[in-house]
Amino acid sequence: MASIRLTRPTLEVIKVLLASTPDSPAWGLKICEEADLGSGTVYPILERLVDAGWVTRYEETGEHPGRPKRYYYELTAVGQQAAREARERKPRFFGLHARAEGGAA
Protein backbone atom coordinates (compact mmCIF):
# COMPACT_ATOMS: atom_id res chain seq x y z
CA MET A 1 0.00 0.00 0.00
CA ALA A 2 1.39 3.42 -0.92
CA SER A 3 2.34 5.61 1.99
CA ILE A 4 0.42 8.87 2.48
CA ARG A 5 1.15 11.35 5.25
CA LEU A 6 -1.98 11.50 7.36
CA THR A 7 -1.99 15.22 8.02
CA ARG A 8 -5.07 16.88 9.50
CA PRO A 9 -6.23 18.14 6.04
CA THR A 10 -5.75 14.66 4.53
CA LEU A 11 -7.74 13.10 7.36
CA GLU A 12 -10.50 15.69 6.85
CA VAL A 13 -10.74 14.71 3.17
CA ILE A 14 -10.79 11.01 4.09
CA LYS A 15 -13.60 11.66 6.61
CA VAL A 16 -15.72 13.25 3.88
CA LEU A 17 -15.02 10.35 1.52
CA LEU A 18 -15.96 7.84 4.24
CA ALA A 19 -19.28 9.63 4.75
CA SER A 20 -20.17 9.67 1.05
CA THR A 21 -22.58 7.11 -0.39
CA PRO A 22 -23.57 6.05 -3.91
CA ASP A 23 -26.71 8.19 -3.51
CA SER A 24 -24.65 11.15 -2.25
CA PRO A 25 -21.19 10.89 -3.82
CA ALA A 26 -18.36 13.28 -2.99
CA TRP A 27 -17.14 15.79 -5.57
CA GLY A 28 -14.48 18.49 -5.32
CA LEU A 29 -16.49 21.49 -4.07
CA LYS A 30 -18.56 19.34 -1.70
CA ILE A 31 -15.34 17.93 -0.22
CA CYS A 32 -13.94 21.47 0.18
CA GLU A 33 -17.08 22.64 1.97
CA GLU A 34 -17.53 19.61 4.23
CA ALA A 35 -13.84 19.42 5.13
CA ASP A 36 -13.74 23.23 5.60
CA LEU A 37 -10.64 23.42 3.40
CA GLY A 38 -9.76 25.44 0.32
CA SER A 39 -9.52 24.00 -3.16
CA GLY A 40 -5.75 24.65 -3.17
CA THR A 41 -5.50 22.17 -0.30
CA VAL A 42 -8.15 19.63 -1.28
CA TYR A 43 -7.31 19.01 -4.94
CA PRO A 44 -3.61 18.23 -4.36
CA ILE A 45 -4.66 15.82 -1.58
CA LEU A 46 -7.16 14.14 -3.90
CA GLU A 47 -4.50 13.80 -6.61
CA ARG A 48 -2.08 12.18 -4.13
CA LEU A 49 -4.82 9.79 -2.97
CA VAL A 50 -5.69 8.91 -6.59
CA ASP A 51 -1.99 8.39 -7.46
CA ALA A 52 -1.58 6.14 -4.40
CA GLY A 53 -4.59 4.04 -5.42
CA TRP A 54 -6.61 5.01 -2.33
CA VAL A 55 -9.25 6.92 -4.31
CA THR A 56 -10.82 6.62 -7.73
CA ARG A 57 -12.12 9.57 -9.73
CA TYR A 58 -14.89 9.44 -12.34
CA GLU A 59 -16.79 11.98 -14.42
CA GLU A 60 -20.43 12.91 -14.02
CA THR A 61 -22.40 11.31 -16.85
CA GLY A 62 -25.80 12.99 -16.58
CA GLU A 63 -26.93 16.43 -17.63
CA HIS A 64 -25.42 19.36 -15.78
CA PRO A 65 -26.93 22.51 -17.28
CA GLY A 66 -25.56 25.80 -16.05
CA ARG A 67 -22.50 24.38 -14.30
CA PRO A 68 -19.31 22.53 -15.16
CA LYS A 69 -19.20 18.75 -15.17
CA ARG A 70 -18.40 17.26 -11.76
CA TYR A 71 -15.74 14.70 -10.96
CA TYR A 72 -16.71 12.28 -8.21
CA TYR A 73 -14.28 10.67 -5.79
CA GLU A 74 -14.64 7.45 -3.83
CA LEU A 75 -12.38 5.30 -1.71
CA THR A 76 -11.07 2.13 -3.33
CA ALA A 77 -10.69 -1.11 -1.36
CA VAL A 78 -7.09 -0.06 -0.63
CA GLY A 79 -8.30 3.36 0.51
CA GLN A 80 -10.97 1.85 2.74
CA GLN A 81 -8.32 -0.33 4.39
CA ALA A 82 -6.06 2.71 4.84
CA ALA A 83 -8.98 4.67 6.35
CA ARG A 84 -9.66 1.83 8.80
CA GLU A 85 -6.00 1.84 9.82
CA ALA A 86 -6.08 5.64 10.21
CA ARG A 87 -9.14 5.35 12.47
CA GLU A 88 -7.27 2.84 14.62
CA ARG A 89 -4.19 5.08 14.86
CA LYS A 90 -6.10 8.35 15.40
CA PRO A 91 -9.49 7.38 16.89
CA ARG A 92 -10.14 10.74 18.57
CA PHE A 93 -9.85 12.54 15.25
CA PHE A 94 -12.66 10.39 13.89
CA GLY A 95 -14.82 11.00 16.98
CA LEU A 96 -14.06 7.57 18.41
CA HIS A 97 -12.77 6.67 21.85
CA ALA A 98 -9.52 4.77 22.04
CA ARG A 99 -10.03 1.18 23.10
CA ALA A 100 -8.67 0.37 26.52
CA GLU A 101 -6.04 -2.32 26.57
CA GLY A 102 -6.92 -5.45 28.51
CA GLY A 103 -9.93 -5.28 30.83
CA ALA A 104 -12.45 -7.80 32.07
CA ALA A 105 -14.04 -10.23 29.67
C-alpha atoms as a PDB file:
ATOM      1  CA  MET A   1       0.000   0.000   0.000  1.00  0.00           C
ATOM      2  CA  ALA A   2       1.393   3.422  -0.925  1.00  0.00           C
ATOM      3  CA  SER A   3       2.338   5.609   1.993  1.00  0.00           C
ATOM      4  CA  ILE A   4       0.423   8.866   2.476  1.00  0.00           C
ATOM      5  CA  ARG A   5       1.152  11.354   5.254  1.00  0.00           C
ATOM      6  CA  LEU A   6      -1.981  11.504   7.357  1.00  0.00           C
ATOM      7  CA  THR A   7      -1.987  15.222   8.021  1.00  0.00           C
ATOM      8  CA  ARG A   8      -5.068  16.877   9.496  1.00  0.00           C
ATOM      9  CA  PRO A   9      -6.233  18.137   6.036  1.00  0.00           C
ATOM     10  CA  THR A  10      -5.746  14.657   4.528  1.00  0.00           C
ATOM     11  CA  LEU A  11      -7.739  13.102   7.358  1.00  0.00           C
ATOM     12  CA  GLU A  12     -10.501  15.694   6.852  1.00  0.00           C
ATOM     13  CA  VAL A  13     -10.736  14.714   3.175  1.00  0.00           C
ATOM     14  CA  ILE A  14     -10.793  11.013   4.089  1.00  0.00           C
ATOM     15  CA  LYS A  15     -13.597  11.661   6.608  1.00  0.00           C
ATOM     16  CA  VAL A  16     -15.717  13.248   3.876  1.00  0.00           C
ATOM     17  CA  LEU A  17     -15.017  10.348   1.525  1.00  0.00           C
ATOM     18  CA  LEU A  18     -15.956   7.844   4.241  1.00  0.00           C
ATOM     19  CA  ALA A  19     -19.284   9.630   4.751  1.00  0.00           C
ATOM     20  CA  SER A  20     -20.173   9.667   1.048  1.00  0.00           C
ATOM     21  CA  THR A  21     -22.578   7.108  -0.394  1.00  0.00           C
ATOM     22  CA  PRO A  22     -23.566   6.046  -3.914  1.00  0.00           C
ATOM     23  CA  ASP A  23     -26.707   8.187  -3.510  1.00  0.00           C
ATOM     24  CA  SER A  24     -24.654  11.147  -2.255  1.00  0.00           C
ATOM     25  CA  PRO A  25     -21.193  10.895  -3.816  1.00  0.00           C
ATOM     26  CA  ALA A  26     -18.356  13.281  -2.991  1.00  0.00           C
ATOM     27  CA  TRP A  27     -17.141  15.789  -5.568  1.00  0.00           C
ATOM     28  CA  GLY A  28     -14.485  18.491  -5.317  1.00  0.00           C
ATOM     29  CA  LEU A  29     -16.494  21.487  -4.071  1.00  0.00           C
ATOM     30  CA  LYS A  30     -18.556  19.338  -1.704  1.00  0.00           C
ATOM     31  CA  ILE A  31     -15.338  17.932  -0.222  1.00  0.00           C
ATOM     32  CA  CYS A  32     -13.940  21.467   0.178  1.00  0.00           C
ATOM     33  CA  GLU A  33     -17.083  22.643   1.972  1.00  0.00           C
ATOM     34  CA  GLU A  34     -17.530  19.615   4.228  1.00  0.00           C
ATOM     35  CA  ALA A  35     -13.842  19.425   5.134  1.00  0.00           C
ATOM     36  CA  ASP A  36     -13.738  23.225   5.602  1.00  0.00           C
ATOM     37  CA  LEU A  37     -10.639  23.418   3.400  1.00  0.00           C
ATOM     38  CA  GLY A  38      -9.762  25.444   0.323  1.00  0.00           C
ATOM     39  CA  SER A  39      -9.522  23.996  -3.157  1.00  0.00           C
ATOM     40  CA  GLY A  40      -5.754  24.654  -3.172  1.00  0.00           C
ATOM     41  CA  THR A  41      -5.503  22.171  -0.300  1.00  0.00           C
ATOM     42  CA  VAL A  42      -8.150  19.628  -1.281  1.00  0.00           C
ATOM     43  CA  TYR A  43      -7.309  19.015  -4.943  1.00  0.00           C
ATOM     44  CA  PRO A  44      -3.610  18.225  -4.356  1.00  0.00           C
ATOM     45  CA  ILE A  45      -4.665  15.825  -1.578  1.00  0.00           C
ATOM     46  CA  LEU A  46      -7.163  14.145  -3.899  1.00  0.00           C
ATOM     47  CA  GLU A  47      -4.500  13.804  -6.606  1.00  0.00           C
ATOM     48  CA  ARG A  48      -2.076  12.184  -4.133  1.00  0.00           C
ATOM     49  CA  LEU A  49      -4.817   9.793  -2.970  1.00  0.00           C
ATOM     50  CA  VAL A  50      -5.686   8.905  -6.587  1.00  0.00           C
ATOM     51  CA  ASP A  51      -1.994   8.393  -7.460  1.00  0.00           C
ATOM     52  CA  ALA A  52      -1.575   6.143  -4.400  1.00  0.00           C
ATOM     53  CA  GLY A  53      -4.589   4.035  -5.420  1.00  0.00           C
ATOM     54  CA  TRP A  54      -6.611   5.012  -2.333  1.00  0.00           C
ATOM     55  CA  VAL A  55      -9.254   6.923  -4.310  1.00  0.00           C
ATOM     56  CA  THR A  56     -10.816   6.617  -7.725  1.00  0.00           C
ATOM     57  CA  ARG A  57     -12.125   9.567  -9.732  1.00  0.00           C
ATOM     58  CA  TYR A  58     -14.888   9.440 -12.340  1.00  0.00           C
ATOM     59  CA  GLU A  59     -16.791  11.979 -14.425  1.00  0.00           C
ATOM     60  CA  GLU A  60     -20.426  12.911 -14.025  1.00  0.00           C
ATOM     61  CA  THR A  61     -22.400  11.305 -16.845  1.00  0.00           C
ATOM     62  CA  GLY A  62     -25.799  12.991 -16.576  1.00  0.00           C
ATOM     63  CA  GLU A  63     -26.933  16.432 -17.633  1.00  0.00           C
ATOM     64  CA  HIS A  64     -25.417  19.357 -15.775  1.00  0.00           C
ATOM     65  CA  PRO A  65     -26.926  22.510 -17.282  1.00  0.00           C
ATOM     66  CA  GLY A  66     -25.562  25.795 -16.046  1.00  0.00           C
ATOM     67  CA  ARG A  67     -22.501  24.382 -14.301  1.00  0.00           C
ATOM     68  CA  PRO A  68     -19.313  22.535 -15.161  1.00  0.00           C
ATOM     69  CA  LYS A  69     -19.202  18.749 -15.173  1.00  0.00           C
ATOM     70  CA  ARG A  70     -18.400  17.258 -11.757  1.00  0.00           C
ATOM     71  CA  TYR A  71     -15.744  14.703 -10.964  1.00  0.00           C
ATOM     72  CA  TYR A  72     -16.710  12.285  -8.210  1.00  0.00           C
ATOM     73  CA  TYR A  73     -14.278  10.666  -5.791  1.00  0.00           C
ATOM     74  CA  GLU A  74     -14.641   7.447  -3.829  1.00  0.00           C
ATOM     75  CA  LEU A  75     -12.378   5.297  -1.714  1.00  0.00           C
ATOM     76  CA  THR A  76     -11.067   2.126  -3.326  1.00  0.00           C
ATOM     77  CA  ALA A  77     -10.685  -1.108  -1.357  1.00  0.00           C
ATOM     78  CA  VAL A  78      -7.085  -0.064  -0.627  1.00  0.00           C
ATOM     79  CA  GLY A  79      -8.305   3.365   0.507  1.00  0.00           C
ATOM     80  CA  GLN A  80     -10.972   1.852   2.735  1.00  0.00           C
ATOM     81  CA  GLN A  81      -8.324  -0.330   4.385  1.00  0.00           C
ATOM     82  CA  ALA A  82      -6.063   2.706   4.838  1.00  0.00           C
ATOM     83  CA  ALA A  83      -8.976   4.665   6.349  1.00  0.00           C
ATOM     84  CA  ARG A  84      -9.663   1.825   8.797  1.00  0.00           C
ATOM     85  CA  GLU A  85      -6.004   1.844   9.817  1.00  0.00           C
ATOM     86  CA  ALA A  86      -6.076   5.641  10.209  1.00  0.00           C
ATOM     87  CA  ARG A  87      -9.142   5.353  12.470  1.00  0.00           C
ATOM     88  CA  GLU A  88      -7.272   2.836  14.621  1.00  0.00           C
ATOM     89  CA  ARG A  89      -4.186   5.085  14.860  1.00  0.00           C
ATOM     90  CA  LYS A  90      -6.099   8.349  15.404  1.00  0.00           C
ATOM     91  CA  PRO A  91      -9.485   7.382  16.891  1.00  0.00           C
ATOM     92  CA  ARG A  92     -10.140  10.742  18.568  1.00  0.00           C
ATOM     93  CA  PHE A  93      -9.850  12.542  15.246  1.00  0.00           C
ATOM     94  CA  PHE A  94     -12.662  10.385  13.893  1.00  0.00           C
ATOM     95  CA  GLY A  95     -14.818  10.999  16.977  1.00  0.00           C
ATOM     96  CA  LEU A  96     -14.059   7.574  18.413  1.00  0.00           C
ATOM     97  CA  HIS A  97     -12.766   6.670  21.849  1.00  0.00           C
ATOM     98  CA  ALA A  98      -9.521   4.773  22.043  1.00  0.00           C
ATOM     99  CA  ARG A  99     -10.026   1.183  23.101  1.00  0.00           C
ATOM    100  CA  ALA A 100      -8.674   0.375  26.524  1.00  0.00           C
ATOM    101  CA  GLU A 101      -6.041  -2.321  26.566  1.00  0.00           C
ATOM    102  CA  GLY A 102      -6.918  -5.446  28.509  1.00  0.00           C
ATOM    103  CA  GLY A 103      -9.928  -5.283  30.832  1.00  0.00           C
ATOM    104  CA  ALA A 104     -12.452  -7.802  32.068  1.00  0.00           C
ATOM    105  CA  ALA A 105     -14.041 -10.229  29.669  1.00  0.00           C
END
